[in-house]
Structures are given as structure tokens and as C-alpha cells.
N, C-alpha and C. Protein backbone atom coordinates (compact mmCIF):
# COMPACT_ATOMS: atom_id res chain seq x y z
N MET A 1 94.03 -8.57 -29.45
CA MET A 1 92.87 -7.86 -29.94
C MET A 1 91.85 -8.87 -30.43
N ASP A 2 90.60 -8.75 -29.97
CA ASP A 2 89.58 -9.71 -30.44
C ASP A 2 88.99 -9.26 -31.78
N LYS A 3 88.22 -10.15 -32.36
CA LYS A 3 87.68 -9.92 -33.71
C LYS A 3 86.79 -8.67 -33.76
N ASN A 4 85.97 -8.42 -32.72
CA ASN A 4 85.07 -7.26 -32.72
C ASN A 4 85.85 -5.96 -32.70
N SER A 5 86.95 -5.91 -31.96
CA SER A 5 87.78 -4.70 -31.93
C SER A 5 88.37 -4.41 -33.30
N PHE A 6 88.82 -5.47 -33.97
CA PHE A 6 89.38 -5.32 -35.31
C PHE A 6 88.31 -4.79 -36.27
N ASP A 7 87.11 -5.35 -36.21
CA ASP A 7 86.03 -4.93 -37.09
C ASP A 7 85.67 -3.45 -36.86
N GLU A 8 85.65 -3.03 -35.60
CA GLU A 8 85.34 -1.64 -35.29
C GLU A 8 86.42 -0.71 -35.85
N GLN A 9 87.66 -1.08 -35.68
CA GLN A 9 88.77 -0.26 -36.17
C GLN A 9 88.75 -0.18 -37.69
N GLU A 10 88.49 -1.30 -38.33
CA GLU A 10 88.41 -1.33 -39.80
C GLU A 10 87.27 -0.45 -40.29
N THR A 11 86.12 -0.52 -39.61
CA THR A 11 84.95 0.29 -39.97
C THR A 11 85.27 1.77 -39.80
N LEU A 12 85.90 2.15 -38.70
CA LEU A 12 86.27 3.55 -38.47
C LEU A 12 87.22 4.06 -39.55
N THR A 13 88.15 3.24 -39.94
CA THR A 13 89.10 3.61 -40.98
C THR A 13 88.37 3.85 -42.30
N LEU A 14 87.46 2.95 -42.66
CA LEU A 14 86.70 3.09 -43.89
C LEU A 14 85.81 4.34 -43.87
N LEU A 15 85.18 4.63 -42.72
CA LEU A 15 84.33 5.79 -42.62
C LEU A 15 85.12 7.09 -42.78
N LYS A 16 86.32 7.13 -42.27
CA LYS A 16 87.19 8.32 -42.39
C LYS A 16 87.57 8.59 -43.84
N GLU A 17 87.53 7.56 -44.68
CA GLU A 17 87.95 7.70 -46.07
C GLU A 17 86.78 8.08 -47.00
N LEU A 18 85.56 8.14 -46.47
CA LEU A 18 84.41 8.48 -47.31
C LEU A 18 84.46 9.95 -47.74
N SER A 19 84.10 10.19 -48.98
CA SER A 19 84.05 11.55 -49.49
C SER A 19 82.68 12.17 -49.18
N ILE A 20 82.55 13.45 -49.44
CA ILE A 20 81.26 14.13 -49.26
C ILE A 20 80.22 13.49 -50.17
N GLN A 21 80.60 13.16 -51.39
CA GLN A 21 79.66 12.52 -52.32
C GLN A 21 79.23 11.16 -51.80
N ASP A 22 80.16 10.42 -51.18
CA ASP A 22 79.80 9.12 -50.61
C ASP A 22 78.69 9.29 -49.56
N PHE A 23 78.83 10.31 -48.70
CA PHE A 23 77.82 10.55 -47.69
C PHE A 23 76.49 10.94 -48.32
N LEU A 24 76.52 11.74 -49.38
CA LEU A 24 75.29 12.14 -50.06
C LEU A 24 74.58 10.95 -50.67
N ASP A 25 75.34 9.94 -51.09
CA ASP A 25 74.76 8.77 -51.75
C ASP A 25 74.25 7.72 -50.78
N VAL A 26 74.55 7.85 -49.49
CA VAL A 26 74.09 6.85 -48.50
C VAL A 26 72.58 6.82 -48.47
N GLY A 27 72.02 5.68 -48.73
CA GLY A 27 70.56 5.51 -48.68
C GLY A 27 69.82 6.04 -49.88
N LEU A 28 70.55 6.50 -50.89
CA LEU A 28 69.91 7.14 -52.04
C LEU A 28 68.86 6.25 -52.68
N HIS A 29 69.11 4.97 -52.75
CA HIS A 29 68.16 4.05 -53.39
C HIS A 29 67.42 3.18 -52.38
N GLN A 30 67.47 3.56 -51.10
CA GLN A 30 66.78 2.79 -50.07
C GLN A 30 65.79 3.61 -49.25
N VAL A 31 66.05 4.91 -49.11
CA VAL A 31 65.29 5.74 -48.18
C VAL A 31 64.67 6.93 -48.91
N ALA A 32 63.47 7.31 -48.51
CA ALA A 32 62.84 8.56 -48.96
C ALA A 32 62.30 9.27 -47.73
N TYR A 33 62.49 10.57 -47.68
CA TYR A 33 62.08 11.37 -46.53
C TYR A 33 60.76 12.08 -46.82
N ILE A 34 59.91 12.13 -45.81
CA ILE A 34 58.64 12.83 -45.91
C ILE A 34 58.70 14.08 -45.03
N LYS A 35 58.40 15.22 -45.63
CA LYS A 35 58.42 16.48 -44.89
C LYS A 35 57.04 17.13 -44.99
N ARG A 36 56.47 17.43 -43.85
CA ARG A 36 55.15 18.10 -43.82
C ARG A 36 55.36 19.57 -44.13
N ILE A 37 54.53 20.10 -45.03
CA ILE A 37 54.62 21.50 -45.41
C ILE A 37 53.31 22.17 -45.04
N ASN A 38 53.41 23.16 -44.17
CA ASN A 38 52.22 23.90 -43.74
C ASN A 38 51.91 24.94 -44.82
N THR A 39 50.75 24.80 -45.45
CA THR A 39 50.38 25.70 -46.54
C THR A 39 49.76 27.01 -46.03
N GLY A 40 49.44 27.05 -44.75
CA GLY A 40 48.87 28.25 -44.15
C GLY A 40 47.40 28.44 -44.55
N GLY A 41 46.76 29.35 -43.91
CA GLY A 41 45.36 29.62 -44.21
C GLY A 41 44.46 28.42 -43.95
N ASP A 42 43.43 28.30 -44.76
CA ASP A 42 42.46 27.24 -44.60
C ASP A 42 42.84 25.95 -45.31
N LEU A 43 43.91 25.98 -46.06
CA LEU A 43 44.34 24.79 -46.80
C LEU A 43 44.99 23.80 -45.85
N SER A 44 44.81 22.52 -46.13
CA SER A 44 45.43 21.51 -45.28
C SER A 44 46.91 21.37 -45.67
N ASP A 45 47.67 20.74 -44.80
CA ASP A 45 49.09 20.53 -45.05
C ASP A 45 49.29 19.58 -46.23
N ILE A 46 50.43 19.71 -46.88
CA ILE A 46 50.83 18.78 -47.93
C ILE A 46 52.13 18.11 -47.49
N TYR A 47 52.52 17.05 -48.16
CA TYR A 47 53.67 16.26 -47.76
C TYR A 47 54.63 16.12 -48.93
N SER A 48 55.82 16.61 -48.74
CA SER A 48 56.85 16.58 -49.77
C SER A 48 57.73 15.35 -49.57
N ILE A 49 57.99 14.65 -50.65
CA ILE A 49 58.84 13.45 -50.60
C ILE A 49 60.19 13.81 -51.20
N HIS A 50 61.26 13.47 -50.45
CA HIS A 50 62.62 13.79 -50.88
C HIS A 50 63.49 12.54 -50.90
N ALA A 51 64.40 12.49 -51.85
CA ALA A 51 65.40 11.43 -51.91
C ALA A 51 66.40 11.65 -50.78
N ALA A 52 67.24 10.67 -50.53
CA ALA A 52 68.23 10.78 -49.45
C ALA A 52 69.20 11.93 -49.67
N ASP A 53 69.41 12.34 -50.91
CA ASP A 53 70.31 13.45 -51.18
C ASP A 53 69.63 14.81 -51.05
N GLY A 54 68.35 14.81 -50.69
CA GLY A 54 67.61 16.05 -50.47
C GLY A 54 66.80 16.53 -51.65
N SER A 55 66.97 15.93 -52.80
CA SER A 55 66.21 16.37 -53.97
C SER A 55 64.75 15.96 -53.83
N GLN A 56 63.86 16.89 -54.20
CA GLN A 56 62.43 16.62 -54.08
C GLN A 56 61.99 15.66 -55.19
N ILE A 57 61.22 14.65 -54.77
CA ILE A 57 60.72 13.65 -55.70
C ILE A 57 59.28 13.94 -56.07
N SER A 58 58.46 14.27 -55.06
CA SER A 58 57.03 14.46 -55.31
C SER A 58 56.39 15.21 -54.15
N VAL A 59 55.14 15.59 -54.33
CA VAL A 59 54.33 16.21 -53.28
C VAL A 59 52.99 15.49 -53.25
N MET A 60 52.53 15.14 -52.06
CA MET A 60 51.27 14.41 -51.89
C MET A 60 50.33 15.18 -50.98
N ASP A 61 49.04 14.89 -51.11
CA ASP A 61 48.02 15.56 -50.30
C ASP A 61 47.92 15.04 -48.88
N SER A 62 48.37 13.80 -48.64
CA SER A 62 48.28 13.23 -47.30
C SER A 62 49.53 12.43 -46.96
N TYR A 63 49.75 12.28 -45.67
CA TYR A 63 50.89 11.51 -45.19
C TYR A 63 50.77 10.05 -45.65
N ASP A 64 49.58 9.49 -45.53
CA ASP A 64 49.37 8.08 -45.91
C ASP A 64 49.65 7.86 -47.40
N THR A 65 49.27 8.80 -48.24
CA THR A 65 49.55 8.69 -49.66
C THR A 65 51.04 8.77 -49.93
N ALA A 66 51.73 9.64 -49.20
CA ALA A 66 53.18 9.75 -49.34
C ALA A 66 53.87 8.45 -48.97
N VAL A 67 53.46 7.85 -47.85
CA VAL A 67 54.05 6.58 -47.41
C VAL A 67 53.78 5.49 -48.44
N ALA A 68 52.56 5.44 -48.95
CA ALA A 68 52.20 4.42 -49.94
C ALA A 68 53.03 4.59 -51.21
N ALA A 69 53.19 5.82 -51.66
CA ALA A 69 53.99 6.08 -52.88
C ALA A 69 55.44 5.64 -52.69
N ILE A 70 55.97 5.89 -51.52
CA ILE A 70 57.35 5.50 -51.22
C ILE A 70 57.48 3.98 -51.22
N ARG A 71 56.57 3.33 -50.54
CA ARG A 71 56.64 1.87 -50.43
C ARG A 71 56.43 1.17 -51.78
N VAL A 72 55.54 1.72 -52.61
CA VAL A 72 55.31 1.14 -53.93
C VAL A 72 56.61 1.16 -54.74
N ASN A 73 57.45 2.14 -54.47
CA ASN A 73 58.72 2.27 -55.19
C ASN A 73 59.87 1.59 -54.45
N ASP A 74 59.54 0.67 -53.55
CA ASP A 74 60.53 -0.15 -52.83
C ASP A 74 61.54 0.67 -52.04
N LEU A 75 61.07 1.77 -51.47
CA LEU A 75 61.91 2.60 -50.60
C LEU A 75 61.37 2.54 -49.18
N PHE A 76 62.20 2.93 -48.21
CA PHE A 76 61.80 2.95 -46.81
C PHE A 76 61.45 4.39 -46.43
N PRO A 77 60.21 4.64 -45.95
CA PRO A 77 59.80 6.02 -45.60
C PRO A 77 60.37 6.44 -44.24
N VAL A 78 60.87 7.69 -44.19
CA VAL A 78 61.37 8.29 -42.96
C VAL A 78 60.78 9.69 -42.87
N THR A 79 60.26 10.05 -41.70
CA THR A 79 59.64 11.37 -41.51
C THR A 79 60.70 12.36 -41.02
N VAL A 80 60.72 13.55 -41.62
CA VAL A 80 61.60 14.62 -41.20
C VAL A 80 60.83 15.50 -40.25
N HIS A 81 61.40 15.77 -39.07
CA HIS A 81 60.72 16.61 -38.07
C HIS A 81 61.30 17.99 -38.05
């Protein structure tokens, strides 16, 4: 067995041992999600910022402002489609 096969097997074993809470915590302090919210009517869309665990952090008037707010807080922005 070569080193890469061993590393893959070890990784799979570790992943199988993760709890639900472990999965919820993945990226919690690295990633923030941006979700566009259609307000309907004549109002423009707003953008909701969420932590990796799904909890809402903030709401912004524009996508660019949401990205800037995330980056200022040393997080990586990801768009939810």
C-alpha cells in the first residue's frame, strides 16, 4: 500500500467518526454565506449573511456590501443559490 492510499483510508476513517455537531462547526469561523432575498414589489433585493451553521449574522442592501462586510471580518464569502 502506498502512502496516498494510507492517507485516504485514514481520512475516510476520521470522517466516519465525525458527529453532527462536528459537521455543523465545519467552516464556522472561516466561511459566511450570502443569500439573496427577494423583497417583492418595487423594493430591491436584500442580501442576508449567514454563518456556516446557518445562523443569520446580518442583512445588507447590496451584494457588494455583504461581500465587503464578510471580508472585513476575515471570512470567505460564499453565495447560496
